[in-house]
Amino acid sequence: MKTKLDYYRVFYETARFHSFSTAAQHLYISQSAISQCIQQLEKDLGVQLFVRTRKGISLTSEGKFLYLKVESAINSIEQGESQLEKLRHLESGELKIAAGDTITTHFLLQYFEQFHTSYPDIKIEMANSYSAGTLSLVKEGKADLAFVNMPLEDDELIIKPCLEINDVFVCGPDYDIKSSYSWEEVAKLPLILLEKNSSSRRFVDDRFSEKDVSLSPQIEVAVHDLLIRFASIHLGVSCVVEQFSTEELKSGTIRKIPLDPPLPGRNIGCAYLKNAPLSYAAKAFMELILRSR
C-alpha cells in the first residue's frame, strides 16, 4: 500500500462534504491538516483528485473512481465495527458446544434454557461425541467449549471442573439389598455398565483395578439412561451418576446399593483452548455455569 489508511478517510470525508473545512470539523483536525493529507495522497497516487474552484471543490474523474472504492471499503469497515459491537454485547454471534448426550441432557440443558432467555440472538450449535472426541472438536476449531468427564488432561487445553459428580451402584425396587457391600462383593453382582470406550467406564474400572478387583459386566450399554432403565426392571445392577439419577432414586424406581467405601467423586469439566481467546458468547456461557457452582 502506497499511503496511509488515514489519508483515505480524510479523502472520503472531504469528497463526501465537498469541503475541506467541513471535513476538518467532522474529523476534529485543522483545515491545513486536511489540505496536507490530500496533497500527500495525490502525490502518492500520482493523480489529481480534486478540482479547486471559486465555488469550492469537486472530484476529478480519477477522484470519482477512487471515491467509489474508498466508500465501499469504509462502509465495510463500519459494518464490521457495528457487528463486533453486537458480538461484544451478545446481540449476535454463535455458541458452539461439544458434549455427550448424558452431559447435555442432565447437565447442560438447564443452562441452554437460561442462556437463550438472556441472549436470544445467539445461535447455539451442538456437537455430540464421547469426551475424547469433544476435545478434538475444540482443538480443530469446531467447538468453543467441550464438556467432558474428568479426569482428563491435554497440553493444548484448559479443563476447568464445573460439576462434582458421584458414581453409585443401583438396583431395582424389589432387589434384596444388604446393609453394605465390599468392592469385591459388588464385582460379583450381575453388573450393567457403560461401554469400555467411555471415560466414565474407564474411571470406575480404574478405581476397582487399584483395589485389585476387576469388573466383568453381563451387559454393556452406550447410554446412561439405559443403565437406569435396565436396573429398574431387574436386569442387573447398574453403575450410574447419582446427580443424573435423582428423580429415579427419589421415586424409588431404583435404589442405591451401599458400597463401602464409596467410589471417590469426580467432576464434569469445561475444556477450551489454552492459547486462544474465547468468544464473548462462550465466555458468557462458561461464566453462567461457574456462577451456579
C-alpha atoms as a PDB file:
ATOM      1  CA  MET A   1       0.000   0.000   0.000  1.00  0.00           C
ATOM      2  CA  LYS A   2       1.451   3.346  -1.091  1.00  0.00           C
ATOM      3  CA  THR A   3      -0.147   5.575   1.515  1.00  0.00           C
ATOM      4  CA  LYS A   4      -1.657   5.586   4.979  1.00  0.00           C
ATOM      5  CA  LEU A   5      -5.229   4.450   5.564  1.00  0.00           C
ATOM      6  CA  ASP A   6      -5.894   7.674   7.490  1.00  0.00           C
ATOM      7  CA  TYR A   7      -5.383   9.638   4.271  1.00  0.00           C
ATOM      8  CA  TYR A   8      -8.203   7.708   2.621  1.00  0.00           C
ATOM      9  CA  ARG A   9     -10.520   8.601   5.491  1.00  0.00           C
ATOM     10  CA  VAL A  10      -9.597  12.287   5.005  1.00  0.00           C
ATOM     11  CA  PHE A  11     -10.173  11.959   1.255  1.00  0.00           C
ATOM     12  CA  TYR A  12     -13.536  10.242   1.816  1.00  0.00           C
ATOM     13  CA  GLU A  13     -14.847  12.875   4.218  1.00  0.00           C
ATOM     14  CA  THR A  14     -13.615  15.738   2.006  1.00  0.00           C
ATOM     15  CA  ALA A  15     -15.259  14.247  -1.072  1.00  0.00           C
ATOM     16  CA  ARG A  16     -18.448  13.467   0.859  1.00  0.00           C
ATOM     17  CA  PHE A  17     -18.874  17.041   2.107  1.00  0.00           C
ATOM     18  CA  HIS A  18     -17.287  18.757  -0.939  1.00  0.00           C
ATOM     19  CA  SER A  19     -15.460  20.934   1.574  1.00  0.00           C
ATOM     20  CA  PHE A  20     -12.095  20.997   3.329  1.00  0.00           C
ATOM     21  CA  SER A  21     -13.477  22.983   6.249  1.00  0.00           C
ATOM     22  CA  THR A  22     -16.495  20.720   6.844  1.00  0.00           C
ATOM     23  CA  ALA A  23     -14.295  17.609   6.631  1.00  0.00           C
ATOM     24  CA  ALA A  24     -11.928  19.219   9.141  1.00  0.00           C
ATOM     25  CA  GLN A  25     -14.777  19.873  11.575  1.00  0.00           C
ATOM     26  CA  HIS A  26     -16.099  16.328  11.176  1.00  0.00           C
ATOM     27  CA  LEU A  27     -12.686  14.763  11.769  1.00  0.00           C
ATOM     28  CA  TYR A  28     -11.688  17.203  14.551  1.00  0.00           C
ATOM     29  CA  ILE A  29      -8.480  18.265  12.806  1.00  0.00           C
ATOM     30  CA  SER A  30      -7.357  21.544  11.222  1.00  0.00           C
ATOM     31  CA  GLN A  31      -8.196  22.577   7.668  1.00  0.00           C
ATOM     32  CA  SER A  32      -4.478  22.830   6.884  1.00  0.00           C
ATOM     33  CA  ALA A  33      -4.035  19.218   8.001  1.00  0.00           C
ATOM     34  CA  ILE A  34      -6.817  18.187   5.614  1.00  0.00           C
ATOM     35  CA  SER A  35      -5.105  20.035   2.759  1.00  0.00           C
ATOM     36  CA  GLN A  36      -1.730  18.448   3.534  1.00  0.00           C
ATOM     37  CA  CYS A  37      -3.236  14.936   3.633  1.00  0.00           C
ATOM     38  CA  ILE A  38      -4.946  15.420   0.262  1.00  0.00           C
ATOM     39  CA  GLN A  39      -1.740  16.775  -1.277  1.00  0.00           C
ATOM     40  CA  GLN A  40       0.245  13.812   0.055  1.00  0.00           C
ATOM     41  CA  LEU A  41      -2.370  11.333  -1.193  1.00  0.00           C
ATOM     42  CA  GLU A  42      -2.337  12.911  -4.659  1.00  0.00           C
ATOM     43  CA  LYS A  43       1.465  12.751  -4.628  1.00  0.00           C
ATOM     44  CA  ASP A  44       1.496   9.098  -3.568  1.00  0.00           C
ATOM     45  CA  LEU A  45      -1.070   8.090  -6.203  1.00  0.00           C
ATOM     46  CA  GLY A  46       0.281  10.328  -8.939  1.00  0.00           C
ATOM     47  CA  VAL A  47      -3.150  11.727  -9.842  1.00  0.00           C
ATOM     48  CA  GLN A  48      -5.174  14.839  -9.088  1.00  0.00           C
ATOM     49  CA  LEU A  49      -8.243  14.007  -7.013  1.00  0.00           C
ATOM     50  CA  PHE A  50      -9.964  17.384  -6.631  1.00  0.00           C
ATOM     51  CA  VAL A  51     -10.593  20.397  -8.815  1.00  0.00           C
ATOM     52  CA  ARG A  52     -10.458  23.611  -6.797  1.00  0.00           C
ATOM     53  CA  THR A  53     -12.729  26.458  -7.968  1.00  0.00           C
ATOM     54  CA  ARG A  54     -14.057  29.658  -6.503  1.00  0.00           C
ATOM     55  CA  LYS A  55     -17.263  27.794  -5.638  1.00  0.00           C
ATOM     56  CA  GLY A  56     -15.468  25.038  -3.744  1.00  0.00           C
ATOM     57  CA  ILE A  57     -14.066  21.669  -4.704  1.00  0.00           C
ATOM     58  CA  SER A  58     -15.251  18.786  -6.853  1.00  0.00           C
ATOM     59  CA  LEU A  59     -13.851  15.390  -7.719  1.00  0.00           C
ATOM     60  CA  THR A  60     -11.899  14.725 -10.893  1.00  0.00           C
ATOM     61  CA  SER A  61     -12.787  11.603 -12.882  1.00  0.00           C
ATOM     62  CA  GLU A  62      -9.925   9.804 -11.118  1.00  0.00           C
ATOM     63  CA  GLY A  63     -11.223  11.135  -7.808  1.00  0.00           C
ATOM     64  CA  LYS A  64     -14.722   9.825  -8.539  1.00  0.00           C
ATOM     65  CA  PHE A  65     -13.314   6.380  -9.330  1.00  0.00           C
ATOM     66  CA  LEU A  66     -11.299   6.327  -6.099  1.00  0.00           C
ATOM     67  CA  TYR A  67     -14.245   7.621  -4.062  1.00  0.00           C
ATOM     68  CA  LEU A  68     -16.456   4.676  -5.078  1.00  0.00           C
ATOM     69  CA  LYS A  69     -13.769   2.213  -3.950  1.00  0.00           C
ATOM     70  CA  VAL A  70     -12.999   4.033  -0.707  1.00  0.00           C
ATOM     71  CA  GLU A  71     -16.696   4.452   0.118  1.00  0.00           C
ATOM     72  CA  SER A  72     -17.237   0.714  -0.257  1.00  0.00           C
ATOM     73  CA  ALA A  73     -14.211  -0.080   1.910  1.00  0.00           C
ATOM     74  CA  ILE A  74     -15.194   2.359   4.671  1.00  0.00           C
ATOM     75  CA  ASN A  75     -18.772   1.080   4.677  1.00  0.00           C
ATOM     76  CA  SER A  76     -17.438  -2.472   5.076  1.00  0.00           C
ATOM     77  CA  ILE A  77     -15.210  -1.389   7.964  1.00  0.00           C
ATOM     78  CA  GLU A  78     -18.095   0.412   9.673  1.00  0.00           C
ATOM     79  CA  GLN A  79     -20.337  -2.622   9.225  1.00  0.00           C
ATOM     80  CA  GLY A  80     -17.597  -4.772  10.718  1.00  0.00           C
ATOM     81  CA  GLU A  81     -17.269  -2.441  13.694  1.00  0.00           C
ATOM     82  CA  SER A  82     -21.036  -2.495  14.189  1.00  0.00           C
ATOM     83  CA  GLN A  83     -21.092  -6.294  14.052  1.00  0.00           C
ATOM     84  CA  LEU A  84     -18.219  -6.529  16.528  1.00  0.00           C
ATOM     85  CA  GLU A  85     -20.131  -4.252  18.877  1.00  0.00           C
ATOM     86  CA  LYS A  86     -23.124  -6.593  18.655  1.00  0.00           C
ATOM     87  CA  LEU A  87     -20.879  -9.569  19.370  1.00  0.00           C
ATOM     88  CA  ARG A  88     -19.385  -7.785  22.364  1.00  0.00           C
ATOM     89  CA  HIS A  89     -22.841  -7.085  23.795  1.00  0.00           C
ATOM     90  CA  LEU A  90     -24.082 -10.607  22.938  1.00  0.00           C
ATOM     91  CA  GLU A  91     -26.647  -9.272  20.489  1.00  0.00           C
ATOM     92  CA  SER A  92     -25.265 -11.505  17.734  1.00  0.00           C
ATOM     93  CA  GLY A  93     -22.941 -14.467  17.280  1.00  0.00           C
ATOM     94  CA  GLU A  94     -22.920 -18.192  17.916  1.00  0.00           C
ATOM     95  CA  LEU A  95     -22.073 -20.582  20.712  1.00  0.00           C
ATOM     96  CA  LYS A  96     -20.546 -23.908  19.649  1.00  0.00           C
ATOM     97  CA  ILE A  97     -20.671 -26.613  22.329  1.00  0.00           C
ATOM     98  CA  ALA A  98     -19.408 -30.193  22.226  1.00  0.00           C
ATOM     99  CA  ALA A  99     -20.650 -32.733  24.772  1.00  0.00           C
ATOM    100  CA  GLY A 100     -22.003 -36.244  25.129  1.00  0.00           C
ATOM    101  CA  ASP A 101     -25.718 -36.993  25.256  1.00  0.00           C
ATOM    102  CA  THR A 102     -25.755 -37.669  29.006  1.00  0.00           C
ATOM    103  CA  ILE A 103     -23.975 -34.444  29.969  1.00  0.00           C
ATOM    104  CA  THR A 104     -26.149 -32.479  27.537  1.00  0.00           C
ATOM    105  CA  THR A 105     -29.427 -33.922  28.829  1.00  0.00           C
ATOM    106  CA  HIS A 106     -28.737 -33.999  32.558  1.00  0.00           C
ATOM    107  CA  PHE A 107     -26.424 -31.014  32.995  1.00  0.00           C
ATOM    108  CA  LEU A 108     -26.273 -28.536  30.116  1.00  0.00           C
ATOM    109  CA  LEU A 109     -29.938 -28.376  29.124  1.00  0.00           C
ATOM    110  CA  GLN A 110     -30.930 -26.101  32.014  1.00  0.00           C
ATOM    111  CA  TYR A 111     -28.108 -23.693  31.153  1.00  0.00           C
ATOM    112  CA  PHE A 112     -29.036 -23.624  27.469  1.00  0.00           C
ATOM    113  CA  GLU A 113     -32.514 -22.515  28.520  1.00  0.00           C
ATOM    114  CA  GLN A 114     -31.157 -19.750  30.790  1.00  0.00           C
ATOM    115  CA  PHE A 115     -28.623 -18.603  28.189  1.00  0.00           C
ATOM    116  CA  HIS A 116     -31.180 -18.473  25.390  1.00  0.00           C
ATOM    117  CA  THR A 117     -33.557 -16.482  27.580  1.00  0.00           C
ATOM    118  CA  SER A 118     -30.834 -13.922  28.318  1.00  0.00           C
ATOM    119  CA  TYR A 119     -29.302 -13.851  24.816  1.00  0.00           C
ATOM    120  CA  PRO A 120     -31.971 -14.913  22.299  1.00  0.00           C
ATOM    121  CA  ASP A 121     -29.962 -13.677  19.291  1.00  0.00           C
ATOM    122  CA  ILE A 122     -27.040 -16.029  19.957  1.00  0.00           C
ATOM    123  CA  LYS A 123     -27.219 -19.157  17.797  1.00  0.00           C
ATOM    124  CA  ILE A 124     -26.412 -22.346  19.727  1.00  0.00           C
ATOM    125  CA  GLU A 125     -24.736 -25.217  17.855  1.00  0.00           C
ATOM    126  CA  MET A 126     -24.290 -28.658  19.438  1.00  0.00           C
ATOM    127  CA  ALA A 127     -21.887 -31.454  18.542  1.00  0.00           C
ATOM    128  CA  ASN A 128     -22.260 -34.802  20.333  1.00  0.00           C
ATOM    129  CA  SER A 129     -19.397 -37.189  20.956  1.00  0.00           C
ATOM    130  CA  TYR A 130     -17.524 -39.065  23.660  1.00  0.00           C
ATOM    131  CA  SER A 131     -15.276 -36.955  25.894  1.00  0.00           C
ATOM    132  CA  ALA A 132     -12.110 -37.613  23.867  1.00  0.00           C
ATOM    133  CA  GLY A 133     -13.972 -36.759  20.667  1.00  0.00           C
ATOM    134  CA  THR A 134     -15.284 -33.490  22.052  1.00  0.00           C
ATOM    135  CA  LEU A 135     -11.732 -32.397  22.932  1.00  0.00           C
ATOM    136  CA  SER A 136     -10.711 -32.979  19.316  1.00  0.00           C
ATOM    137  CA  LEU A 137     -13.570 -30.762  18.141  1.00  0.00           C
ATOM    138  CA  VAL A 138     -12.270 -27.901  20.299  1.00  0.00           C
ATOM    139  CA  LYS A 139      -8.709 -28.332  19.009  1.00  0.00           C
ATOM    140  CA  GLU A 140      -9.977 -28.381  15.411  1.00  0.00           C
ATOM    141  CA  GLY A 141     -11.890 -25.123  15.955  1.00  0.00           C
ATOM    142  CA  LYS A 142     -15.269 -26.827  15.506  1.00  0.00           C
ATOM    143  CA  ALA A 143     -16.382 -26.090  19.087  1.00  0.00           C
ATOM    144  CA  ASP A 144     -15.728 -23.259  21.539  1.00  0.00           C
ATOM    145  CA  LEU A 145     -16.230 -25.367  24.653  1.00  0.00           C
ATOM    146  CA  ALA A 146     -16.302 -29.082  25.367  1.00  0.00           C
ATOM    147  CA  PHE A 147     -17.941 -30.550  28.452  1.00  0.00           C
ATOM    148  CA  VAL A 148     -16.232 -33.780  29.451  1.00  0.00           C
ATOM    149  CA  ASN A 149     -15.972 -36.379  32.162  1.00  0.00           C
ATOM    150  CA  MET A 150     -12.860 -35.779  34.230  1.00  0.00           C
ATOM    151  CA  PRO A 151     -10.134 -36.670  34.930  1.00  0.00           C
ATOM    152  CA  LEU A 152      -8.718 -35.744  31.502  1.00  0.00           C
ATOM    153  CA  GLU A 153      -5.510 -33.916  30.592  1.00  0.00           C
ATOM    154  CA  ASP A 154      -4.392 -32.260  27.373  1.00  0.00           C
ATOM    155  CA  ASP A 155      -1.437 -29.893  26.958  1.00  0.00           C
ATOM    156  CA  GLU A 156      -3.339 -27.751  24.438  1.00  0.00           C
ATOM    157  CA  LEU A 157      -6.399 -27.231  26.622  1.00  0.00           C
ATOM    158  CA  ILE A 158      -7.543 -25.758  29.901  1.00  0.00           C
ATOM    159  CA  ILE A 159     -10.080 -28.042  31.611  1.00  0.00           C
ATOM    160  CA  LYS A 160     -11.979 -26.455  34.499  1.00  0.00           C
ATOM    161  CA  PRO A 161     -14.170 -28.534  36.829  1.00  0.00           C
ATOM    162  CA  CYS A 162     -17.758 -27.272  36.818  1.00  0.00           C
ATOM    163  CA  LEU A 163     -19.846 -30.008  38.467  1.00  0.00           C
ATOM    164  CA  GLU A 164     -18.877 -32.618  41.068  1.00  0.00           C
ATOM    165  CA  ILE A 165     -20.499 -36.000  40.470  1.00  0.00           C
ATOM    166  CA  ASN A 166     -20.564 -39.391  42.176  1.00  0.00           C
ATOM    167  CA  ASP A 167     -20.795 -42.840  40.642  1.00  0.00           C
ATOM    168  CA  VAL A 168     -23.094 -45.225  42.534  1.00  0.00           C
ATOM    169  CA  PHE A 169     -24.395 -48.740  42.007  1.00  0.00           C
ATOM    170  CA  VAL A 170     -28.172 -49.109  41.805  1.00  0.00           C
ATOM    171  CA  CYS A 171     -30.716 -51.897  41.531  1.00  0.00           C
ATOM    172  CA  GLY A 172     -34.455 -52.315  41.006  1.00  0.00           C
ATOM    173  CA  PRO A 173     -37.020 -51.582  43.747  1.00  0.00           C
ATOM    174  CA  ASP A 174     -37.511 -55.249  44.683  1.00  0.00           C
ATOM    175  CA  TYR A 175     -33.837 -56.183  44.858  1.00  0.00           C
ATOM    176  CA  ASP A 176     -32.793 -57.733  48.184  1.00  0.00           C
ATOM    177  CA  ILE A 177     -30.141 -55.281  49.434  1.00  0.00           C
ATOM    178  CA  LYS A 178     -27.664 -55.953  52.240  1.00  0.00           C
ATOM    179  CA  SER A 179     -26.654 -53.233  54.688  1.00  0.00           C
ATOM    180  CA  SER A 180     -23.304 -52.792  52.931  1.00  0.00           C
ATOM    181  CA  TYR A 181     -21.206 -54.301  50.139  1.00  0.00           C
ATOM    182  CA  SER A 182     -17.458 -54.565  49.731  1.00  0.00           C
ATOM    183  CA  TRP A 183     -15.936 -53.795  46.351  1.00  0.00           C
ATOM    184  CA  GLU A 184     -15.263 -57.498  45.836  1.00  0.00           C
ATOM    185  CA  GLU A 185     -18.925 -58.304  46.514  1.00  0.00           C
ATOM    186  CA  VAL A 186     -20.179 -55.666  44.081  1.00  0.00           C
ATOM    187  CA  ALA A 187     -17.856 -57.045  41.387  1.00  0.00           C
ATOM    188  CA  LYS A 188     -19.649 -60.420  41.673  1.00  0.00           C
ATOM    189  CA  LEU A 189     -23.129 -58.929  41.103  1.00  0.00           C
ATOM    190  CA  PRO A 190     -24.812 -59.098  37.640  1.00  0.00           C
ATOM    191  CA  LEU A 191     -23.421 -55.756  36.502  1.00  0.00           C
ATOM    192  CA  ILE A 192     -24.681 -53.409  33.795  1.00  0.00           C
ATOM    193  CA  LEU A 193     -22.021 -50.857  32.798  1.00  0.00           C
ATOM    194  CA  LEU A 194     -21.290 -48.322  30.097  1.00  0.00           C
ATOM    195  CA  GLU A 195     -19.176 -49.396  27.141  1.00  0.00           C
ATOM    196  CA  LYS A 196     -15.419 -49.549  27.681  1.00  0.00           C
ATOM    197  CA  ASN A 197     -14.672 -46.629  25.327  1.00  0.00           C
ATOM    198  CA  SER A 198     -16.427 -44.165  27.652  1.00  0.00           C
ATOM    199  CA  SER A 199     -14.386 -42.128  30.135  1.00  0.00           C
ATOM    200  CA  SER A 200     -16.965 -42.821  32.890  1.00  0.00           C
ATOM    201  CA  ARG A 201     -16.473 -46.577  32.473  1.00  0.00           C
ATOM    202  CA  ARG A 202     -12.694 -46.203  32.492  1.00  0.00           C
ATOM    203  CA  PHE A 203     -12.882 -44.213  35.721  1.00  0.00           C
ATOM    204  CA  VAL A 204     -14.850 -46.948  37.502  1.00  0.00           C
ATOM    205  CA  ASP A 205     -12.669 -49.738  36.059  1.00  0.00           C
ATOM    206  CA  ASP A 206      -9.509 -47.922  37.168  1.00  0.00           C
ATOM    207  CA  ARG A 207     -10.767 -47.388  40.722  1.00  0.00           C
ATOM    208  CA  PHE A 208     -11.628 -51.076  41.085  1.00  0.00           C
ATOM    209  CA  SER A 209      -8.327 -52.079  39.489  1.00  0.00           C
ATOM    210  CA  GLU A 210      -6.494 -50.042  42.140  1.00  0.00           C
ATOM    211  CA  LYS A 211      -8.040 -52.432  44.687  1.00  0.00           C
ATOM    212  CA  ASP A 212      -7.062 -55.461  42.562  1.00  0.00           C
ATOM    213  CA  VAL A 213     -10.698 -56.057  41.661  1.00  0.00           C
ATOM    214  CA  SER A 214     -11.807 -56.465  38.049  1.00  0.00           C
ATOM    215  CA  LEU A 215     -15.294 -55.799  36.698  1.00  0.00           C
ATOM    216  CA  SER A 216     -16.917 -58.143  34.180  1.00  0.00           C
ATOM    217  CA  PRO A 217     -20.363 -56.778  33.309  1.00  0.00           C
ATOM    218  CA  GLN A 218     -23.078 -59.009  31.925  1.00  0.00           C
ATOM    219  CA  ILE A 219     -24.490 -56.115  29.893  1.00  0.00           C
ATOM    220  CA  GLU A 220     -22.775 -53.067  28.373  1.00  0.00           C
ATOM    221  CA  VAL A 221     -24.731 -50.088  27.040  1.00  0.00           C
ATOM    222  CA  ALA A 222     -23.870 -46.827  25.309  1.00  0.00           C
ATOM    223  CA  VAL A 223     -26.410 -44.565  27.023  1.00  0.00           C
ATOM    224  CA  HIS A 224     -26.594 -43.609  30.706  1.00  0.00           C
ATOM    225  CA  ASP A 225     -30.397 -43.580  30.779  1.00  0.00           C
ATOM    226  CA  LEU A 226     -30.450 -47.264  29.749  1.00  0.00           C
ATOM    227  CA  LEU A 227     -28.442 -48.061  32.882  1.00  0.00           C
ATOM    228  CA  ILE A 228     -31.288 -46.646  34.945  1.00  0.00           C
ATOM    229  CA  ARG A 229     -33.959 -48.342  32.868  1.00  0.00           C
ATOM    230  CA  PHE A 230     -32.297 -51.772  32.903  1.00  0.00           C
ATOM    231  CA  ALA A 231     -31.711 -51.671  36.673  1.00  0.00           C
ATOM    232  CA  SER A 232     -35.319 -50.604  37.283  1.00  0.00           C
ATOM    233  CA  ILE A 233     -36.654 -53.735  35.525  1.00  0.00           C
ATOM    234  CA  HIS A 234     -34.259 -56.015  37.446  1.00  0.00           C
ATOM    235  CA  LEU A 235     -31.894 -56.901  34.597  1.00  0.00           C
ATOM    236  CA  GLY A 236     -28.974 -56.359  36.947  1.00  0.00           C
ATOM    237  CA  VAL A 237     -27.061 -53.786  38.987  1.00  0.00           C
ATOM    238  CA  SER A 238     -26.040 -50.611  37.155  1.00  0.00           C
ATOM    239  CA  CYS A 239     -23.365 -48.041  37.879  1.00  0.00           C
ATOM    240  CA  VAL A 240     -24.903 -44.581  37.331  1.00  0.00           C
ATOM    241  CA  VAL A 241     -24.126 -40.945  38.087  1.00  0.00           C
ATOM    242  CA  GLU A 242     -26.074 -40.132  41.236  1.00  0.00           C
ATOM    243  CA  GLN A 243     -26.635 -36.481  40.275  1.00  0.00           C
ATOM    244  CA  PHE A 244     -28.136 -37.607  36.944  1.00  0.00           C
ATOM    245  CA  SER A 245     -30.470 -40.136  38.590  1.00  0.00           C
ATOM    246  CA  THR A 246     -32.018 -38.070  41.394  1.00  0.00           C
ATOM    247  CA  GLU A 247     -35.638 -38.354  40.213  1.00  0.00           C
ATOM    248  CA  GLU A 248     -35.497 -42.148  39.888  1.00  0.00           C
ATOM    249  CA  LEU A 249     -33.751 -42.524  43.259  1.00  0.00           C
ATOM    250  CA  LYS A 250     -36.269 -40.235  44.944  1.00  0.00           C
ATOM    251  CA  SER A 251     -39.278 -42.017  43.432  1.00  0.00           C
ATOM    252  CA  GLY A 252     -37.908 -45.475  44.284  1.00  0.00           C
ATOM    253  CA  THR A 253     -37.673 -46.582  40.654  1.00  0.00           C
ATOM    254  CA  ILE A 254     -34.100 -47.562  41.505  1.00  0.00           C
ATOM    255  CA  ARG A 255     -32.335 -47.992  44.849  1.00  0.00           C
ATOM    256  CA  LYS A 256     -28.735 -47.312  45.800  1.00  0.00           C
ATOM    257  CA  ILE A 257     -26.519 -50.238  46.777  1.00  0.00           C
ATOM    258  CA  PRO A 258     -24.350 -49.207  49.774  1.00  0.00           C
ATOM    259  CA  LEU A 259     -20.728 -49.634  48.626  1.00  0.00           C
ATOM    260  CA  ASP A 260     -18.196 -49.476  51.479  1.00  0.00           C
ATOM    261  CA  PRO A 261     -16.161 -47.359  50.989  1.00  0.00           C
ATOM    262  CA  PRO A 262     -17.981 -45.453  48.216  1.00  0.00           C
ATOM    263  CA  LEU A 263     -16.349 -44.601  44.923  1.00  0.00           C
ATOM    264  CA  PRO A 264     -14.420 -41.298  45.037  1.00  0.00           C
ATOM    265  CA  GLY A 265     -16.062 -38.289  43.468  1.00  0.00           C
ATOM    266  CA  ARG A 266     -15.064 -36.825  40.129  1.00  0.00           C
ATOM    267  CA  ASN A 267     -16.040 -33.826  38.008  1.00  0.00           C
ATOM    268  CA  ILE A 268     -17.636 -32.738  34.787  1.00  0.00           C
ATOM    269  CA  GLY A 269     -15.156 -30.324  33.244  1.00  0.00           C
ATOM    270  CA  CYS A 270     -15.314 -27.492  30.712  1.00  0.00           C
ATOM    271  CA  ALA A 271     -12.453 -27.571  28.189  1.00  0.00           C
ATOM    272  CA  TYR A 272     -11.229 -24.799  25.888  1.00  0.00           C
ATOM    273  CA  LEU A 273      -8.070 -23.871  24.012  1.00  0.00           C
ATOM    274  CA  LYS A 274      -5.217 -22.685  26.198  1.00  0.00           C
ATOM    275  CA  ASN A 275      -3.705 -20.179  23.757  1.00  0.00           C
ATOM    276  CA  ALA A 276      -6.799 -18.742  22.055  1.00  0.00           C
ATOM    277  CA  PRO A 277      -9.321 -16.215  23.396  1.00  0.00           C
ATOM    278  CA  LEU A 278     -12.867 -17.394  23.985  1.00  0.00           C
ATOM    279  CA  SER A 279     -15.677 -15.790  22.018  1.00  0.00           C
ATOM    280  CA  TYR A 280     -17.899 -13.427  24.009  1.00  0.00           C
ATOM    281  CA  ALA A 281     -20.734 -15.967  23.809  1.00  0.00           C
ATOM    282  CA  ALA A 282     -18.568 -18.859  25.046  1.00  0.00           C
ATOM    283  CA  LYS A 283     -17.186 -16.739  27.869  1.00  0.00           C
ATOM    284  CA  ALA A 284     -20.695 -15.738  28.967  1.00  0.00           C
ATOM    285  CA  PHE A 285     -21.905 -19.357  28.872  1.00  0.00           C
ATOM    286  CA  MET A 286     -18.995 -20.630  30.931  1.00  0.00           C
ATOM    287  CA  GLU A 287     -19.439 -17.824  33.466  1.00  0.00           C
ATOM    288  CA  LEU A 288     -23.143 -18.727  33.755  1.00  0.00           C
ATOM    289  CA  ILE A 289     -22.222 -22.289  34.712  1.00  0.00           C
ATOM    290  CA  LEU A 290     -19.389 -21.376  37.057  1.00  0.00           C
ATOM    291  CA  ARG A 291     -21.618 -18.894  38.924  1.00  0.00           C
ATOM    292  CA  SER A 292     -24.048 -21.723  39.653  1.00  0.00           C
ATOM    293  CA  ARG A 293     -21.471 -23.959  41.336  1.00  0.00           C
END
